[in-house]
Amino acid sequence: MRYGFFIFAFLMFFGMLSYVLFRGWQALPVNNRTLFLQVFSGLFAFLMTGMLFEHVLPQVLAKNITFVGYSFLIAAVYLFISFLFVDIIRLTNYYVHFAPAGMQQFRLWAMGGSLVVIAIALLAGNYQFNHPNIVKLNLSVEHPRMNKELKIVAASDIHLGNSIDINMLRKYVKLINAEKPDIVLLMGDITDRSASPLTEQNMKSVLETIHAPLGVYAIRGNHEYYSGKADEISGYLKSSGIHVLIDSVCLVNNSFYIIGRDDRTNVNRKSLDKLTEGLDPNIPKILLDHQPYNLEIAEQNGMDLQLSGHTHNGQFFPGNLLTGMMFEKGHGYLKKGKTHYYISSGLGLWGPHYRIGTQSELVEIVLKY
C-alpha cells in the first residue's frame, strides 16, 4: 500500500515536470528554447541529486544543492498551475473565439509574469520560514483541581539534517529558551531522513542547552522511521537529556501525565486505551501523538490536551488546502468535548525552505489544572 502511494506520487511528480517543460518550451520564442531546456535540465539535476544523495554529500555542498533543487520544485509547481490556467483559457478560446488563434503572445507574457510572481513569493516564503511565529494559548482542563499553571513550549517537525543544520538548531533552541518554559514537548519528526547529521554535527551539544525545569519530552514521528534507525535516533536524543516516550507514560512532578504514543508508522503501537489503563482519572493527561488522525480517540480516553504535528499545514499554498481536506484539523486549535487539541504546522519543515500561505511556529501553552 505504502509503495503504491510512492509509485503514484513519483508518476505525478514526473508528469507535472514534463508538462511544465513542454508548455514552457512552447511558450518561448524558438531562439530561447535551447537555453530554457539547459536551465530546466540543470535545475532538475540539482533536485534529483539533493533528493537521492543529500546524506552522502559533504554537508555544505548538500545544503546548497538541496536549496536550489527544492526551490526549483516549488517554482515548477506554480508554473504547472499557471500553464494549466492558460490552457483552460486557450481551450475556452477554441470554442468562444475571443482572442487570436493559439494566443502565442499571451502564453509568453503569462509565463514571464508568472516567473516574476513566483520569485516574489519565494523571497517572501523564505523570510516567513526563517522567522517563526510564536502561537500563544491559554487553556484550562475541564475541572481544575490543583490550582496550578503549567507553561508548555511545544515544537514539532524540526527535521534536523543537512538542510536544517546545527546553526538552525541553535536558533530554535534560543527561541525555546527565550519563552522560559516549565516543560518542553517535541511532537515527532525531530530528524529528517538520516541519523548521521546528528552525530556528524554534534547536535547533542545544542540539544543539551534546552532549559526547562520539568524536562524535555519527545516522541517519534514518521521521519524517525524513514531513517531506518529510529532506535538509534531515540538513543541519541536520550543521551542529550531528552525523555523519549515510546508508547509510554510519565508522571511529571506528581501532578500531570505526559503520554507519548509511538508513530502510527509502527503498526504494532499500543492503543491509547491500553496505554492509559490504570492511570489516575483525577490527574491531567497530555497526549503527544505525531500524526493527527482519529482525534476522537483522545476525547474518548479522557485526554485533557493532545499535541500533534505532521501536516506542516501543507507547507506552501495550495498544500494547506489539501491538508485541510485530508485531516479533521490540518492546523491550529480545536476542542472536542473536554479535550483540547493543537495541531502544529511545525517549527522546521521537509525540503524547501519556504512558507507560502503557512507559517513556521513555536507553540506556547499556559495550561491551568
Protein backbone atom coordinates (compact mmCIF):
# COMPACT_ATOMS: atom_id res chain seq x y z
CA MET A 1 0.00 0.00 0.00
CA ARG A 2 2.76 2.43 1.01
CA TYR A 3 4.88 1.54 -2.04
CA GLY A 4 1.85 2.02 -4.27
CA PHE A 5 1.47 5.55 -2.90
CA PHE A 6 5.12 6.37 -3.58
CA ILE A 7 4.88 5.00 -7.14
CA PHE A 8 1.78 7.11 -7.75
CA ALA A 9 3.48 10.18 -6.24
CA PHE A 10 6.54 9.79 -8.46
CA LEU A 11 4.41 9.35 -11.57
CA MET A 12 2.53 12.53 -10.70
CA PHE A 13 5.82 14.29 -9.98
CA PHE A 14 7.41 13.41 -13.33
CA GLY A 15 4.14 14.06 -15.14
CA MET A 16 3.98 17.57 -13.67
CA LEU A 17 7.59 18.35 -14.60
CA SER A 18 7.11 17.01 -18.13
CA TYR A 19 4.05 19.21 -18.59
CA VAL A 20 5.94 22.29 -17.34
CA LEU A 21 8.89 21.56 -19.64
CA PHE A 22 6.65 21.03 -22.68
CA ARG A 23 4.47 24.10 -22.11
CA GLY A 24 7.46 26.29 -21.27
CA TRP A 25 9.19 25.16 -24.46
CA GLN A 26 6.07 26.01 -26.49
CA ALA A 27 5.59 29.43 -24.88
CA LEU A 28 9.10 30.68 -25.64
CA PRO A 29 10.45 32.03 -28.94
CA VAL A 30 12.49 29.47 -30.89
CA ASN A 31 15.83 31.15 -30.17
CA ASN A 32 15.27 30.89 -26.37
CA ARG A 33 14.19 27.27 -26.21
CA THR A 34 17.65 25.69 -26.03
CA LEU A 35 18.61 27.90 -23.08
CA PHE A 36 15.34 27.06 -21.34
CA LEU A 37 15.98 23.34 -21.81
CA GLN A 38 19.53 23.67 -20.43
CA VAL A 39 18.43 25.65 -17.38
CA PHE A 40 15.49 23.31 -16.71
CA SER A 41 17.71 20.22 -17.03
CA GLY A 42 20.36 21.70 -14.75
CA LEU A 43 17.86 22.58 -12.04
CA PHE A 44 16.23 19.16 -12.36
CA ALA A 45 19.67 17.59 -11.86
CA PHE A 46 20.11 19.65 -8.67
CA LEU A 47 16.71 18.47 -7.43
CA MET A 48 17.37 14.78 -8.04
CA THR A 49 20.91 14.96 -6.66
CA GLY A 50 19.61 16.55 -3.48
CA MET A 51 16.75 14.09 -3.09
CA LEU A 52 18.88 10.98 -3.70
CA PHE A 53 22.33 11.88 -2.39
CA GLU A 54 21.82 14.57 0.24
CA HIS A 55 23.12 12.37 3.04
CA VAL A 56 26.26 11.16 1.28
CA LEU A 57 27.46 14.55 0.01
CA PRO A 58 29.54 16.93 2.15
CA GLN A 59 27.21 18.97 4.34
CA VAL A 60 27.76 22.43 2.79
CA LEU A 61 27.50 21.04 -0.74
CA ALA A 62 24.38 19.06 0.12
CA LYS A 63 22.72 22.08 1.75
CA ASN A 64 23.28 24.31 -1.28
CA ILE A 65 22.28 21.68 -3.82
CA THR A 66 19.06 20.87 -1.98
CA PHE A 67 18.19 24.54 -1.56
CA VAL A 68 18.48 25.18 -5.30
CA GLY A 69 16.75 21.91 -6.21
CA TYR A 70 13.80 22.35 -3.87
CA SER A 71 13.41 25.99 -4.91
CA PHE A 72 13.09 24.71 -8.47
CA LEU A 73 10.46 22.22 -7.31
CA ILE A 74 8.23 24.93 -5.84
CA ALA A 75 8.70 27.12 -8.93
CA ALA A 76 7.71 24.14 -11.09
CA VAL A 77 4.54 23.57 -9.03
CA TYR A 78 3.48 27.18 -9.54
CA LEU A 79 4.38 27.12 -13.23
CA PHE A 80 2.27 23.99 -13.55
CA ILE A 81 -0.71 25.86 -12.06
CA SER A 82 -0.05 28.85 -14.33
CA PHE A 83 0.27 26.77 -17.51
CA LEU A 84 -2.84 24.80 -16.60
CA PHE A 85 -4.78 28.04 -16.15
CA VAL A 86 -3.51 29.33 -19.52
CA ASP A 87 -4.55 26.06 -21.18
CA ILE A 88 -8.05 26.41 -19.74
CA ILE A 89 -8.26 29.91 -21.25
CA ARG A 90 -6.95 28.62 -24.57
CA LEU A 91 -9.47 25.78 -24.58
CA THR A 92 -12.25 28.26 -23.86
CA ASN A 93 -10.97 30.45 -26.69
CA TYR A 94 -11.10 27.48 -29.05
CA TYR A 95 -14.89 27.36 -28.65
CA VAL A 96 -15.72 31.02 -27.94
CA HIS A 97 -13.07 32.72 -30.17
CA PHE A 98 -12.45 35.83 -28.09
CA ALA A 99 -8.71 36.09 -28.99
CA PRO A 100 -6.35 35.27 -31.89
CA ALA A 101 -5.87 31.56 -32.55
CA GLY A 102 -3.08 29.98 -30.48
CA MET A 103 -2.67 33.04 -28.26
CA GLN A 104 1.13 32.69 -28.53
CA GLN A 105 1.86 36.18 -27.24
CA PHE A 106 -0.48 35.66 -24.29
CA ARG A 107 1.30 32.42 -23.38
CA LEU A 108 4.69 34.15 -23.39
CA TRP A 109 3.53 37.09 -21.29
CA ALA A 110 1.72 34.77 -18.87
CA MET A 111 4.90 32.74 -18.38
CA GLY A 112 7.01 35.86 -17.82
CA GLY A 113 4.51 37.34 -15.38
CA SER A 114 4.25 34.03 -13.52
CA LEU A 115 8.04 33.85 -13.08
CA VAL A 116 8.07 37.34 -11.56
CA VAL A 117 5.24 36.47 -9.15
CA ILE A 118 6.94 33.18 -8.25
CA ALA A 119 10.24 34.94 -7.50
CA ILE A 120 8.46 37.37 -5.15
CA ALA A 121 6.58 34.50 -3.48
CA LEU A 122 9.83 32.60 -2.92
CA LEU A 123 11.54 35.60 -1.35
CA ALA A 124 8.57 36.21 0.97
CA GLY A 125 8.23 32.49 1.72
CA ASN A 126 11.88 32.12 2.68
CA TYR A 127 11.58 35.09 5.02
CA GLN A 128 8.47 33.54 6.56
CA PHE A 129 10.29 30.25 7.13
CA ASN A 130 13.25 31.96 8.78
CA HIS A 131 11.07 34.00 11.16
CA PRO A 132 8.88 31.53 13.09
CA ASN A 133 5.71 32.74 14.79
CA ILE A 134 5.05 32.06 18.46
CA VAL A 135 1.49 30.83 18.92
CA LYS A 136 0.22 31.53 22.46
CA LEU A 137 -2.76 29.75 24.01
CA ASN A 138 -4.32 29.92 27.47
CA LEU A 139 -6.17 26.70 28.23
CA SER A 140 -7.75 25.08 31.24
CA VAL A 141 -8.68 21.49 31.99
CA GLU A 142 -12.42 20.93 32.39
CA HIS A 143 -12.38 20.87 36.21
CA PRO A 144 -9.12 22.29 37.62
CA ARG A 145 -8.28 20.65 40.94
CA MET A 146 -4.73 21.67 41.81
CA ASN A 147 -4.84 25.43 41.26
CA LYS A 148 -1.62 25.26 39.22
CA GLU A 149 -0.35 26.59 35.92
CA LEU A 150 2.00 24.85 33.51
CA LYS A 151 3.87 26.74 30.83
CA ILE A 152 4.42 24.39 27.90
CA VAL A 153 6.58 25.20 24.91
CA ALA A 154 5.95 22.72 22.12
CA ALA A 155 7.59 22.18 18.74
CA SER A 156 7.00 19.66 16.01
CA ASP A 157 8.63 18.71 12.72
CA ILE A 158 12.05 20.26 13.23
CA HIS A 159 13.57 17.89 10.63
CA LEU A 160 17.19 18.17 11.72
CA GLY A 161 19.63 17.16 9.00
CA ASN A 162 21.95 18.71 6.46
CA SER A 163 19.36 21.27 5.39
CA ILE A 164 18.12 22.29 8.83
CA ASP A 165 21.52 22.06 10.45
CA ILE A 166 23.13 22.80 13.79
CA ASN A 167 23.07 26.54 13.14
CA MET A 168 19.30 26.45 12.65
CA LEU A 169 19.02 24.27 15.75
CA ARG A 170 20.87 26.91 17.79
CA LYS A 171 18.33 29.49 16.60
CA TYR A 172 15.42 27.21 17.53
CA VAL A 173 16.81 26.44 20.99
CA LYS A 174 17.32 30.16 21.59
CA LEU A 175 13.64 30.75 20.70
CA ILE A 176 12.53 27.96 23.04
CA ASN A 177 14.65 29.15 25.96
CA ALA A 178 13.52 32.76 25.50
CA GLU A 179 9.96 31.69 26.41
CA LYS A 180 11.16 30.35 29.78
CA PRO A 181 9.10 27.13 29.66
CA ASP A 182 8.32 24.88 32.58
CA ILE A 183 8.40 21.92 30.20
CA VAL A 184 9.32 21.41 26.53
CA LEU A 185 7.42 18.94 24.36
CA LEU A 186 8.66 17.78 20.93
CA MET A 187 5.95 16.13 18.82
CA GLY A 188 7.95 13.98 16.41
CA ASP A 189 9.95 14.33 13.19
CA ILE A 190 12.81 15.82 15.17
CA THR A 191 15.10 14.42 12.48
CA ASP A 192 14.67 14.37 8.73
CA ARG A 193 15.74 11.24 6.85
CA SER A 194 19.02 10.18 8.47
CA ALA A 195 20.59 9.75 11.88
CA SER A 196 24.11 10.66 10.75
CA PRO A 197 23.80 14.50 10.74
CA LEU A 198 23.02 14.38 14.47
CA THR A 199 26.39 12.91 15.33
CA GLU A 200 28.40 14.44 12.49
CA GLN A 201 27.34 17.95 13.54
CA ASN A 202 27.37 17.17 17.29
CA MET A 203 23.80 18.39 17.68
CA LYS A 204 23.78 16.91 21.17
CA SER A 205 25.85 19.90 22.33
CA VAL A 206 22.95 22.20 21.39
CA LEU A 207 20.05 19.94 22.42
CA GLU A 208 21.56 19.76 25.91
CA THR A 209 21.17 23.53 26.28
CA ILE A 210 17.34 23.47 26.21
CA HIS A 211 16.29 24.80 29.63
CA ALA A 212 13.09 23.58 31.25
CA PRO A 213 12.81 22.79 34.98
CA LEU A 214 10.39 19.90 34.38
CA GLY A 215 12.36 18.47 31.48
CA VAL A 216 12.20 17.94 27.73
CA TYR A 217 9.94 15.17 26.37
CA ALA A 218 9.75 13.85 22.83
CA ILE A 219 8.00 11.26 20.69
CA ARG A 220 8.90 9.68 17.37
CA GLY A 221 7.36 10.68 14.06
CA ASN A 222 7.24 9.01 10.67
CA HIS A 223 10.59 10.54 9.63
CA GLU A 224 12.38 8.83 12.50
CA TYR A 225 11.17 5.61 10.90
CA TYR A 226 12.06 6.74 7.36
CA SER A 227 15.68 7.00 8.51
CA GLY A 228 15.70 3.25 9.16
CA LYS A 229 17.35 3.99 12.51
CA ALA A 230 14.52 5.06 14.78
CA ASP A 231 16.01 3.35 17.83
CA GLU A 232 19.44 4.89 17.20
CA ILE A 233 17.87 8.36 16.98
CA SER A 234 15.90 7.76 20.17
CA GLY A 235 19.10 6.72 21.93
CA TYR A 236 20.91 9.84 20.75
CA LEU A 237 18.11 12.09 21.96
CA LYS A 238 18.10 10.33 25.33
CA SER A 239 21.84 10.90 25.61
CA SER A 240 21.11 14.60 25.04
CA GLY A 241 18.91 14.72 28.14
CA ILE A 242 15.58 14.33 26.33
CA HIS A 243 12.97 11.89 27.66
CA VAL A 244 11.80 9.92 24.62
CA LEU A 245 8.39 8.37 25.20
CA ILE A 246 7.76 5.33 23.02
CA ASP A 247 4.29 4.05 23.85
CA SER A 248 4.92 5.05 27.43
CA VAL A 249 3.62 7.33 30.16
CA CYS A 250 5.44 9.60 32.58
CA LEU A 251 4.00 11.18 35.71
CA VAL A 252 5.70 14.57 35.92
CA ASN A 253 6.14 16.37 39.22
CA ASN A 254 3.38 14.16 40.68
CA SER A 255 0.83 16.50 39.07
CA PHE A 256 0.24 15.57 35.40
CA TYR A 257 0.82 12.77 32.94
CA ILE A 258 2.70 13.01 29.64
CA ILE A 259 1.56 10.19 27.37
CA GLY A 260 3.75 9.55 24.36
CA ARG A 261 2.38 7.37 21.55
CA ASP A 262 4.75 5.85 19.06
CA ASP A 263 4.14 6.98 15.49
CA ARG A 264 1.38 5.21 13.57
CA THR A 265 4.09 4.05 11.11
CA ASN A 266 4.58 1.36 13.75
CA VAL A 267 1.51 -0.76 13.04
CA ASN A 268 2.09 -2.57 16.35
CA ARG A 269 1.97 0.51 18.54
CA LYS A 270 -0.26 0.29 21.61
CA SER A 271 -3.83 1.50 21.51
CA LEU A 272 -4.46 4.56 23.63
CA ASP A 273 -6.84 2.74 25.96
CA LYS A 274 -4.17 0.11 26.73
CA LEU A 275 -1.54 2.81 27.14
CA THR A 276 -3.61 4.76 29.67
CA GLU A 277 -5.03 1.78 31.53
CA GLY A 278 -4.84 2.28 35.30
CA LEU A 279 -3.98 5.99 35.24
CA ASP A 280 -5.43 8.20 37.96
CA PRO A 281 -8.50 9.88 36.39
CA ASN A 282 -8.05 12.92 38.63
CA ILE A 283 -4.63 13.80 37.22
CA PRO A 284 -4.46 15.84 33.97
CA LYS A 285 -3.31 13.97 30.87
CA ILE A 286 -1.31 15.46 28.00
CA LEU A 287 -1.07 13.28 24.90
CA LEU A 288 1.68 13.53 22.31
CA ASP A 289 0.74 11.83 19.04
CA HIS A 290 2.62 12.90 15.92
CA GLN A 291 0.00 12.33 13.22
CA PRO A 292 -3.42 13.89 13.91
CA TYR A 293 -5.65 11.08 12.71
CA ASN A 294 -8.74 9.85 14.59
CA LEU A 295 -8.82 12.75 17.02
CA GLU A 296 -11.92 11.34 18.69
CA ILE A 297 -9.77 8.63 20.33
CA ALA A 298 -8.17 11.17 22.67
CA GLU A 299 -11.58 12.51 23.63
CA GLN A 300 -12.93 9.01 24.26
CA ASN A 301 -9.97 8.23 26.54
CA GLY A 302 -10.22 11.34 28.68
CA MET A 303 -7.21 13.29 27.42
CA ASP A 304 -7.15 16.92 28.52
CA LEU A 305 -4.77 18.05 25.78
CA GLN A 306 -3.45 16.46 22.59
CA LEU A 307 -0.48 17.93 20.75
CA SER A 308 0.34 16.80 17.20
CA GLY A 309 2.21 17.94 14.12
CA HIS A 310 3.00 16.12 10.87
CA THR A 311 0.83 18.12 8.46
CA HIS A 312 3.14 21.17 8.08
CA ASN A 313 -0.19 22.77 7.16
CA GLY A 314 0.72 21.82 3.61
CA GLN A 315 3.96 23.82 3.86
CA PHE A 316 3.14 26.04 0.89
CA PHE A 317 -0.05 27.02 -0.93
CA PRO A 318 -2.07 25.16 -2.19
CA GLY A 319 -0.82 22.36 0.07
CA ASN A 320 -2.64 23.91 3.01
CA LEU A 321 -5.93 23.41 1.15
CA LEU A 322 -5.12 19.72 0.71
CA THR A 323 -4.26 19.13 4.37
CA GLY A 324 -7.48 20.90 5.30
CA MET A 325 -9.34 18.24 3.32
CA MET A 326 -7.21 15.30 4.49
CA PHE A 327 -7.47 15.90 8.24
CA GLU A 328 -10.29 16.83 10.57
CA LYS A 329 -7.97 19.63 11.69
CA GLY A 330 -4.94 20.28 9.50
CA HIS A 331 -3.60 23.11 11.63
CA GLY A 332 -4.49 25.08 14.72
CA TYR A 333 -6.67 24.77 17.80
CA LEU A 334 -9.70 22.54 18.23
CA LYS A 335 -11.81 21.40 21.13
CA LYS A 336 -13.82 18.19 21.13
CA GLY A 337 -15.84 17.55 24.26
CA LYS A 338 -13.49 18.17 27.16
CA THR A 339 -10.31 17.65 25.12
CA HIS A 340 -8.16 20.48 23.78
CA TYR A 341 -6.15 19.86 20.60
CA TYR A 342 -3.41 21.79 18.89
CA ILE A 343 -2.06 20.67 15.52
CA SER A 344 1.18 22.49 14.80
CA SER A 345 2.38 23.45 11.33
CA GLY A 346 5.91 22.74 12.55
CA LEU A 347 8.97 24.70 13.53
CA GLY A 348 11.07 23.30 10.69
CA LEU A 349 9.98 21.52 7.53
CA TRP A 350 10.92 18.91 4.97
CA GLY A 351 12.62 20.01 1.77
CA PRO A 352 12.25 23.58 0.50
CA HIS A 353 12.84 26.42 2.96
CA TYR A 354 9.66 28.28 2.12
CA ARG A 355 6.39 29.02 3.90
CA ILE A 356 3.92 30.39 1.37
CA GLY A 357 0.47 30.81 2.87
CA THR A 358 1.60 28.93 6.00
CA GLN A 359 3.91 29.60 8.94
CA SER A 360 6.74 28.07 10.90
CA GLU A 361 5.76 28.15 14.54
CA LEU A 362 6.61 27.51 18.14
CA VAL A 363 3.63 26.84 20.42
CA GLU A 364 3.37 28.24 23.94
CA ILE A 365 0.51 26.96 26.08
CA VAL A 366 -0.32 28.07 29.60
CA LEU A 367 -2.38 25.21 30.99
CA LYS A 368 -4.39 25.68 34.16
CA TYR A 369 -5.16 22.49 36.05
